[in-house]
Amino acid sequence: MAFYDDLLKGYGPSLAVGIGVALVAPVILPAVASIFRPLVKGAVRGGLTLADSIKEFTASTGEQMSDLYAEAKAEHYGKTK
């Protein structure tokens, strides 16, 4: 019996908390999930909106840079000939 006393010495409160969490978790988790689900969903939607905005910005910027390059190239080779 002394072996078990020494084995569990200092772990009593931690063990009790662990068992308590295991018993209460099935009741608490669905309630917490129902609260945080809309928040997480909103964050994901915001991230998707931001990603779309970045894609549009980079496409527009790439197109403008391509146009500038074409104009500069045309001016350069048009004057040197």
C-alpha atoms as a PDB file:
ATOM      1  CA  MET A   1       0.000   0.000   0.000  1.00  0.00           C
ATOM      2  CA  ALA A   2       2.935   2.309   0.688  1.00  0.00           C
ATOM      3  CA  PHE A   3       3.945   1.892  -2.937  1.00  0.00           C
ATOM      4  CA  TYR A   4       0.620   3.329  -4.119  1.00  0.00           C
ATOM      5  CA  ASP A   5       0.768   6.137  -1.563  1.00  0.00           C
ATOM      6  CA  ASP A   6       4.211   7.130  -2.792  1.00  0.00           C
ATOM      7  CA  LEU A   7       3.141   6.733  -6.413  1.00  0.00           C
ATOM      8  CA  LEU A   8       0.166   9.070  -6.074  1.00  0.00           C
ATOM      9  CA  LYS A   9       1.860  11.478  -3.671  1.00  0.00           C
ATOM     10  CA  GLY A  10       1.596  14.997  -5.080  1.00  0.00           C
ATOM     11  CA  TYR A  11      -0.681  13.940  -7.938  1.00  0.00           C
ATOM     12  CA  GLY A  12      -3.942  13.945  -5.952  1.00  0.00           C
ATOM     13  CA  PRO A  13      -5.181  17.409  -6.959  1.00  0.00           C
ATOM     14  CA  SER A  14      -4.072  16.958 -10.568  1.00  0.00           C
ATOM     15  CA  LEU A  15      -5.765  13.591 -10.775  1.00  0.00           C
ATOM     16  CA  ALA A  16      -8.973  14.973  -9.299  1.00  0.00           C
ATOM     17  CA  VAL A  17      -8.988  17.879 -11.768  1.00  0.00           C
ATOM     18  CA  GLY A  18      -8.358  15.508 -14.660  1.00  0.00           C
ATOM     19  CA  ILE A  19     -11.227  13.242 -13.668  1.00  0.00           C
ATOM     20  CA  GLY A  20     -13.500  16.246 -13.153  1.00  0.00           C
ATOM     21  CA  VAL A  21     -12.678  17.627 -16.591  1.00  0.00           C
ATOM     22  CA  ALA A  22     -13.289  14.231 -18.170  1.00  0.00           C
ATOM     23  CA  LEU A  23     -16.714  14.033 -16.549  1.00  0.00           C
ATOM     24  CA  VAL A  24     -17.789  17.608 -17.344  1.00  0.00           C
ATOM     25  CA  ALA A  25     -16.349  17.838 -20.881  1.00  0.00           C
ATOM     26  CA  PRO A  26     -19.235  16.064 -22.664  1.00  0.00           C
ATOM     27  CA  VAL A  27     -21.635  18.661 -21.249  1.00  0.00           C
ATOM     28  CA  ILE A  28     -19.441  21.761 -21.664  1.00  0.00           C
ATOM     29  CA  LEU A  29     -17.919  21.139 -25.108  1.00  0.00           C
ATOM     30  CA  PRO A  30     -21.167  21.283 -27.132  1.00  0.00           C
ATOM     31  CA  ALA A  31     -22.126  24.550 -25.425  1.00  0.00           C
ATOM     32  CA  VAL A  32     -18.691  26.063 -26.053  1.00  0.00           C
ATOM     33  CA  ALA A  33     -18.723  24.816 -29.652  1.00  0.00           C
ATOM     34  CA  SER A  34     -22.092  26.441 -30.305  1.00  0.00           C
ATOM     35  CA  ILE A  35     -20.694  29.762 -29.064  1.00  0.00           C
ATOM     36  CA  PHE A  36     -17.357  29.670 -30.904  1.00  0.00           C
ATOM     37  CA  ARG A  37     -18.567  28.153 -34.189  1.00  0.00           C
ATOM     38  CA  PRO A  38     -20.028  31.431 -35.523  1.00  0.00           C
ATOM     39  CA  LEU A  39     -16.884  33.296 -34.463  1.00  0.00           C
ATOM     40  CA  VAL A  40     -14.594  30.851 -36.215  1.00  0.00           C
ATOM     41  CA  LYS A  41     -16.851  30.781 -39.271  1.00  0.00           C
ATOM     42  CA  GLY A  42     -16.740  34.588 -39.451  1.00  0.00           C
ATOM     43  CA  ALA A  43     -12.950  34.549 -39.175  1.00  0.00           C
ATOM     44  CA  VAL A  44     -12.700  32.017 -42.002  1.00  0.00           C
ATOM     45  CA  ARG A  45     -15.033  34.109 -44.175  1.00  0.00           C
ATOM     46  CA  GLY A  46     -12.929  37.184 -43.431  1.00  0.00           C
ATOM     47  CA  GLY A  47      -9.789  35.302 -44.406  1.00  0.00           C
ATOM     48  CA  LEU A  48     -11.355  34.194 -47.681  1.00  0.00           C
ATOM     49  CA  THR A  49     -12.437  37.767 -48.436  1.00  0.00           C
ATOM     50  CA  LEU A  50      -8.932  39.018 -47.710  1.00  0.00           C
ATOM     51  CA  ALA A  51      -7.406  36.320 -49.925  1.00  0.00           C
ATOM     52  CA  ASP A  52      -9.725  37.265 -52.795  1.00  0.00           C
ATOM     53  CA  SER A  53      -8.837  40.943 -52.379  1.00  0.00           C
ATOM     54  CA  ILE A  54      -5.128  40.131 -52.458  1.00  0.00           C
ATOM     55  CA  LYS A  55      -5.572  38.012 -55.608  1.00  0.00           C
ATOM     56  CA  GLU A  56      -7.439  40.837 -57.355  1.00  0.00           C
ATOM     57  CA  PHE A  57      -4.813  43.383 -56.280  1.00  0.00           C
ATOM     58  CA  THR A  58      -1.901  41.267 -57.494  1.00  0.00           C
ATOM     59  CA  ALA A  59      -3.634  40.524 -60.805  1.00  0.00           C
ATOM     60  CA  SER A  60      -4.352  44.213 -61.355  1.00  0.00           C
ATOM     61  CA  THR A  61      -0.820  45.225 -60.402  1.00  0.00           C
ATOM     62  CA  GLY A  62       0.666  42.568 -62.680  1.00  0.00           C
ATOM     63  CA  GLU A  63      -1.459  43.783 -65.575  1.00  0.00           C
ATOM     64  CA  GLN A  64      -0.414  47.397 -64.984  1.00  0.00           C
ATOM     65  CA  MET A  65       3.264  46.432 -64.819  1.00  0.00           C
ATOM     66  CA  SER A  66       2.916  44.449 -68.028  1.00  0.00           C
ATOM     67  CA  ASP A  67       1.326  47.442 -69.738  1.00  0.00           C
ATOM     68  CA  LEU A  68       4.094  49.763 -68.509  1.00  0.00           C
ATOM     69  CA  TYR A  69       6.744  47.344 -69.732  1.00  0.00           C
ATOM     70  CA  ALA A  70       5.099  47.098 -73.152  1.00  0.00           C
ATOM     71  CA  GLU A  71       4.843  50.910 -73.424  1.00  0.00           C
ATOM     72  CA  ALA A  72       8.446  51.443 -72.365  1.00  0.00           C
ATOM     73  CA  LYS A  73       9.656  48.741 -74.747  1.00  0.00           C
ATOM     74  CA  ALA A  74       7.691  50.244 -77.621  1.00  0.00           C
ATOM     75  CA  GLU A  75       9.065  53.727 -76.903  1.00  0.00           C
ATOM     76  CA  HIS A  76      12.603  52.464 -76.518  1.00  0.00           C
ATOM     77  CA  TYR A  77      12.723  50.416 -79.708  1.00  0.00           C
ATOM     78  CA  GLY A  78      10.615  52.940 -81.618  1.00  0.00           C
ATOM     79  CA  LYS A  79      13.150  55.732 -81.003  1.00  0.00           C
ATOM     80  CA  THR A  80      16.325  53.719 -81.552  1.00  0.00           C
ATOM     81  CA  LYS A  81      15.406  52.517 -85.048  1.00  0.00           C
END
